[in-house]
Amino acid sequence: METKEGQKSYLITAISEQNNPWFRDSILPADVFRRYVEARGFSAYSVACLNPTSSEMYDRTYGWLGAQFNITGCLAPSDHPPSSHLDAIFQEIVLQNMVNENFVKKPGSNIDTPCDMEHIHNLLFNLPKISRNIQSWFQSASITGTWSWHALRSVEALLNQPLHNQDITSSDRLNHLKSLLICIALTSLDTSDWKKWWKNPQVQHFSFFGEYQIFSQAVLLPALLMGSTSNFQLENSTSDFQLE
């Protein structure tokens, strides 16, 4: 699927919760939205990062329901992040002085820079330094985009409090960050025109994820992409899938 000049185009990302029971996930809502977009004649590119449980059930369950994505990939605990995109983003935030210099190497690691996220501890991202940019982006995206009520109110509440430095090498935090980076990497593997989807301000980015990922996906990750000056298209619209 290609973007078309003068026509609405939608990038749709679905991020699975790491410990979700199947069906209580972002996969089906994202696929329903894809069908709606394509039924209206618009261009859409959809990519899903699955957890091991949803990956096992994707073919026999989501496939049976007709769920279709341009490409899917799985984030297992032992997976390494897509190095080209991850390295580029973190090299840029280091150059922009967005991280601390007293990160801790893991035992046996010989690295000299904080760009290898799998081999360090306590790498703190300077979230307060970019807080005004986050506020400005959210104020615009929440008006021009389409946000679920829960995601909107949750991010509003988070941004109404002082933002603090964040350890982006903790296991949960790193897995959340890797999930969207895997979506970027999968797109680049699937099509040589991946930048037309991820770095095109004319494309509307709709993101679907679980309620426990709101801070990482709707605050921290946009902040990292802003701090890296990588020109990735930030999400315009967000829908978090609440588990009850």
Protein backbone atom coordinates (compact mmCIF):
# COMPACT_ATOMS: atom_id res chain seq x y z
CA MET A 1 0.00 0.00 0.00
CA GLU A 2 1.34 3.44 -0.93
CA THR A 3 0.54 6.94 0.23
CA LYS A 4 -1.31 8.95 -2.41
CA GLU A 5 -0.82 12.65 -2.99
CA GLY A 6 -3.82 14.65 -1.88
CA GLN A 7 -5.53 11.65 -0.25
CA LYS A 8 -5.77 10.84 3.44
CA SER A 9 -3.32 8.18 4.53
CA TYR A 10 -3.24 6.36 7.87
CA LEU A 11 -0.40 4.62 9.67
CA ILE A 12 -1.93 2.16 12.16
CA THR A 13 0.19 0.61 14.90
CA ALA A 14 -0.99 -2.02 17.38
CA ILE A 15 1.13 -2.73 20.45
CA SER A 16 0.26 -5.81 22.50
CA GLU A 17 0.42 -5.78 26.28
CA GLN A 18 3.23 -8.06 27.42
CA ASN A 19 1.03 -10.15 29.74
CA ASN A 20 -2.39 -9.80 28.19
CA PRO A 21 -4.85 -12.63 27.93
CA TRP A 22 -5.69 -13.02 24.27
CA PHE A 23 -8.64 -11.08 22.87
CA ARG A 24 -8.13 -8.44 25.58
CA ASP A 25 -5.70 -6.76 23.30
CA SER A 26 -5.16 -3.90 20.86
CA ILE A 27 -4.97 -6.18 17.80
CA LEU A 28 -8.68 -6.46 17.05
CA PRO A 29 -9.54 -2.74 17.61
CA ALA A 30 -6.66 -1.77 15.30
CA ASP A 31 -7.85 -4.19 12.63
CA VAL A 32 -11.43 -2.89 12.87
CA PHE A 33 -10.12 0.63 12.32
CA ARG A 34 -8.04 -0.55 9.34
CA ARG A 35 -11.16 -2.03 7.75
CA TYR A 36 -13.05 1.22 8.31
CA VAL A 37 -10.26 3.30 6.73
CA GLU A 38 -9.96 1.05 3.69
CA ALA A 39 -13.75 0.83 3.27
CA ARG A 40 -13.77 4.61 2.92
CA GLY A 41 -11.17 4.37 0.15
CA PHE A 42 -8.20 5.78 2.07
CA SER A 43 -4.66 4.42 2.10
CA ALA A 44 -3.61 2.54 5.21
CA TYR A 45 -0.48 0.79 6.40
CA SER A 46 -0.91 -1.36 9.50
CA VAL A 47 1.80 -2.98 11.60
CA ALA A 48 1.51 -4.96 14.84
CA CYS A 49 4.03 -5.81 17.53
CA LEU A 50 2.73 -8.95 19.20
CA ASN A 51 3.60 -10.42 22.57
CA PRO A 52 4.47 -14.14 22.65
CA THR A 53 0.92 -15.11 23.67
CA SER A 54 -0.83 -13.09 20.96
CA SER A 55 1.76 -14.24 18.40
CA GLU A 56 0.94 -17.90 19.11
CA MET A 57 -2.76 -17.25 18.69
CA TYR A 58 -2.55 -14.80 15.80
CA ASP A 59 -2.84 -17.30 12.95
CA ARG A 60 -5.49 -19.55 14.44
CA THR A 61 -7.57 -16.88 16.17
CA TYR A 62 -6.99 -13.40 14.75
CA GLY A 63 -6.48 -14.98 11.34
CA TRP A 64 -9.77 -16.85 11.68
CA LEU A 65 -11.45 -13.51 12.39
CA GLY A 66 -9.86 -12.05 9.27
CA ALA A 67 -7.42 -9.71 11.04
CA GLN A 68 -4.91 -8.45 8.50
CA PHE A 69 -1.80 -6.32 8.94
CA ASN A 70 0.78 -5.41 6.35
CA ILE A 71 3.38 -6.95 8.65
CA THR A 72 3.56 -8.33 12.18
CA GLY A 73 6.43 -9.11 14.52
CA CYS A 74 6.90 -10.55 18.00
CA LEU A 75 8.58 -8.99 21.02
CA ALA A 76 9.81 -11.78 23.29
CA PRO A 77 11.78 -11.06 26.48
CA SER A 78 15.03 -12.22 24.88
CA ASP A 79 14.59 -10.26 21.65
CA HIS A 80 17.08 -7.58 20.80
CA PRO A 81 15.74 -4.24 19.56
CA PRO A 82 16.11 -3.28 15.89
CA SER A 83 19.65 -1.91 16.17
CA SER A 84 19.74 0.54 13.27
CA HIS A 85 16.75 2.59 14.45
CA LEU A 86 17.45 2.19 18.16
CA ASP A 87 21.11 3.11 17.83
CA ALA A 88 20.33 6.14 15.67
CA ILE A 89 17.71 7.47 18.07
CA PHE A 90 19.81 7.00 21.19
CA GLN A 91 22.97 8.37 19.59
CA GLU A 92 21.00 11.51 18.80
CA ILE A 93 19.58 11.94 22.30
CA VAL A 94 23.12 11.54 23.66
CA LEU A 95 24.34 14.26 21.28
CA GLN A 96 21.45 16.46 22.39
CA ASN A 97 22.53 15.99 26.05
CA MET A 98 19.20 14.35 26.89
CA VAL A 99 20.66 11.55 29.06
CA ASN A 100 22.86 11.31 32.14
CA GLU A 101 26.53 10.40 31.83
CA ASN A 102 26.73 8.16 34.91
CA PHE A 103 24.98 5.12 33.43
CA VAL A 104 26.06 1.73 34.77
CA LYS A 105 27.39 -1.07 32.57
CA LYS A 106 26.02 -4.54 33.12
CA PRO A 107 28.54 -7.19 34.28
CA GLY A 108 30.76 -8.35 31.44
CA SER A 109 29.92 -5.41 29.18
CA ASN A 110 32.77 -3.54 27.51
CA ILE A 111 30.72 -0.77 25.92
CA ASP A 112 31.80 2.87 26.22
CA THR A 113 28.58 4.61 25.17
CA PRO A 114 24.96 4.35 26.30
CA CYS A 115 23.72 3.38 22.83
CA ASP A 116 23.58 -0.36 23.51
CA MET A 117 20.42 -0.43 25.61
CA GLU A 118 20.70 -4.15 26.39
CA HIS A 119 23.98 -3.78 28.30
CA ILE A 120 23.48 -0.85 30.65
CA HIS A 121 21.51 0.18 33.73
CA ASN A 122 20.25 3.51 35.02
CA LEU A 123 20.25 5.50 31.80
CA LEU A 124 18.10 8.48 32.71
CA PHE A 125 16.26 10.43 30.02
CA ASN A 126 15.88 14.14 30.81
CA LEU A 127 12.13 14.39 30.46
CA PRO A 128 11.83 17.81 32.19
CA LYS A 129 14.14 19.33 29.56
CA ILE A 130 11.64 18.60 26.81
CA SER A 131 8.42 19.00 28.82
CA ARG A 132 7.31 22.14 26.94
CA ASN A 133 7.64 20.32 23.62
CA ILE A 134 5.55 17.44 24.97
CA GLN A 135 2.87 19.82 26.23
CA SER A 136 2.75 21.62 22.87
CA TRP A 137 2.51 18.37 20.91
CA PHE A 138 -0.22 16.98 23.16
CA GLN A 139 -2.29 20.17 23.04
CA SER A 140 -2.23 20.05 19.25
CA ALA A 141 -2.68 16.27 18.83
CA SER A 142 -5.53 16.07 21.35
CA ILE A 143 -7.47 18.68 19.36
CA THR A 144 -6.69 17.66 15.79
CA GLY A 145 -6.55 13.90 16.42
CA THR A 146 -8.93 11.33 17.84
CA TRP A 147 -8.13 10.12 21.36
CA SER A 148 -9.99 7.68 23.54
CA TRP A 149 -11.49 9.36 26.59
CA HIS A 150 -9.33 7.35 28.99
CA ALA A 151 -6.09 8.02 27.11
CA LEU A 152 -6.88 11.73 26.83
CA ARG A 153 -7.66 12.16 30.52
CA SER A 154 -4.72 9.98 31.58
CA VAL A 155 -2.17 11.97 29.58
CA GLU A 156 -3.70 15.25 30.76
CA ALA A 157 -3.27 14.09 34.36
CA LEU A 158 0.32 13.00 33.73
CA LEU A 159 1.27 16.30 32.12
CA ASN A 160 -0.38 18.33 34.88
CA GLN A 161 2.27 16.94 37.25
CA PRO A 162 6.00 17.74 37.24
CA LEU A 163 7.84 15.39 34.87
CA HIS A 164 10.91 13.60 36.22
CA ASN A 165 13.93 11.91 34.69
CA GLN A 166 13.06 8.40 33.51
CA ASP A 167 15.19 5.26 33.57
CA ILE A 168 14.70 4.02 30.02
CA THR A 169 16.75 0.86 30.59
CA SER A 170 14.41 -0.78 33.11
CA SER A 171 13.04 -4.03 31.66
CA ASP A 172 9.38 -2.96 31.44
CA ARG A 173 10.19 0.51 30.13
CA LEU A 174 12.65 -0.81 27.56
CA ASN A 175 10.16 -3.42 26.30
CA HIS A 176 7.54 -0.71 25.80
CA LEU A 177 10.00 1.46 23.88
CA LYS A 178 11.25 -1.46 21.81
CA SER A 179 7.72 -2.33 20.72
CA LEU A 180 7.20 0.79 18.61
CA LEU A 181 10.80 0.70 17.36
CA ILE A 182 10.08 -2.84 16.18
CA CYS A 183 7.05 -1.47 14.30
CA ILE A 184 9.35 1.03 12.58
CA ALA A 185 11.91 -1.67 11.78
CA LEU A 186 9.28 -4.07 10.46
CA THR A 187 7.94 -1.39 8.12
CA SER A 188 11.45 -0.71 6.80
CA LEU A 189 11.87 -4.43 6.14
CA ASP A 190 8.50 -4.63 4.38
CA THR A 191 8.78 -1.61 2.11
CA SER A 192 11.53 0.65 0.83
CA ASP A 193 9.04 3.51 1.12
CA TRP A 194 8.80 3.20 4.93
CA LYS A 195 9.81 6.85 5.42
CA LYS A 196 6.68 7.91 3.51
CA TRP A 197 4.70 6.39 6.37
CA TRP A 198 6.87 7.18 9.38
CA LYS A 199 8.35 10.54 8.39
CA ASN A 200 5.51 12.10 6.46
CA PRO A 201 3.56 14.90 8.22
CA GLN A 202 0.62 14.27 5.87
CA VAL A 203 0.11 10.78 7.29
CA GLN A 204 -2.18 10.35 10.29
CA HIS A 205 -0.65 8.00 12.87
CA PHE A 206 -3.23 6.05 14.89
CA SER A 207 -1.77 4.09 17.80
CA PHE A 208 -3.54 1.27 19.67
CA PHE A 209 -2.13 -0.12 22.92
CA GLY A 210 -3.10 -1.31 26.39
CA GLU A 211 -4.00 1.00 29.27
CA TYR A 212 -0.84 0.15 31.20
CA GLN A 213 1.31 1.48 28.35
CA ILE A 214 -0.11 5.02 28.34
CA PHE A 215 2.87 6.75 29.93
CA SER A 216 5.46 4.91 27.83
CA GLN A 217 3.60 5.11 24.51
CA ALA A 218 1.87 8.51 24.79
CA VAL A 219 4.40 10.53 26.81
CA LEU A 220 7.87 8.99 27.02
CA LEU A 221 8.22 7.63 23.50
CA PRO A 222 7.04 10.84 21.76
CA ALA A 223 9.50 12.71 24.00
CA LEU A 224 12.35 10.42 22.93
CA LEU A 225 11.52 10.90 19.27
CA MET A 226 11.38 14.69 19.79
CA GLY A 227 14.68 14.65 21.65
CA SER A 228 16.36 12.64 18.92
CA THR A 229 15.41 15.13 16.16
CA SER A 230 14.81 12.04 13.99
CA ASN A 231 11.71 13.55 12.32
CA PHE A 232 9.53 10.51 12.95
CA GLN A 233 5.83 11.23 12.69
CA LEU A 234 4.38 11.36 16.20
CA GLU A 235 1.01 9.77 16.84
CA ASN A 236 -1.95 12.01 16.06
CA SER A 237 -4.55 9.75 17.59
CA THR A 238 -4.44 7.26 20.42
CA SER A 239 -6.76 4.54 21.65
CA ASP A 240 -5.86 2.59 24.77
CA PHE A 241 -7.53 -0.75 25.29
CA GLN A 242 -8.72 -1.10 28.89
CA LEU A 243 -8.69 -4.48 30.57
CA GLU A 244 -11.54 -5.21 32.96
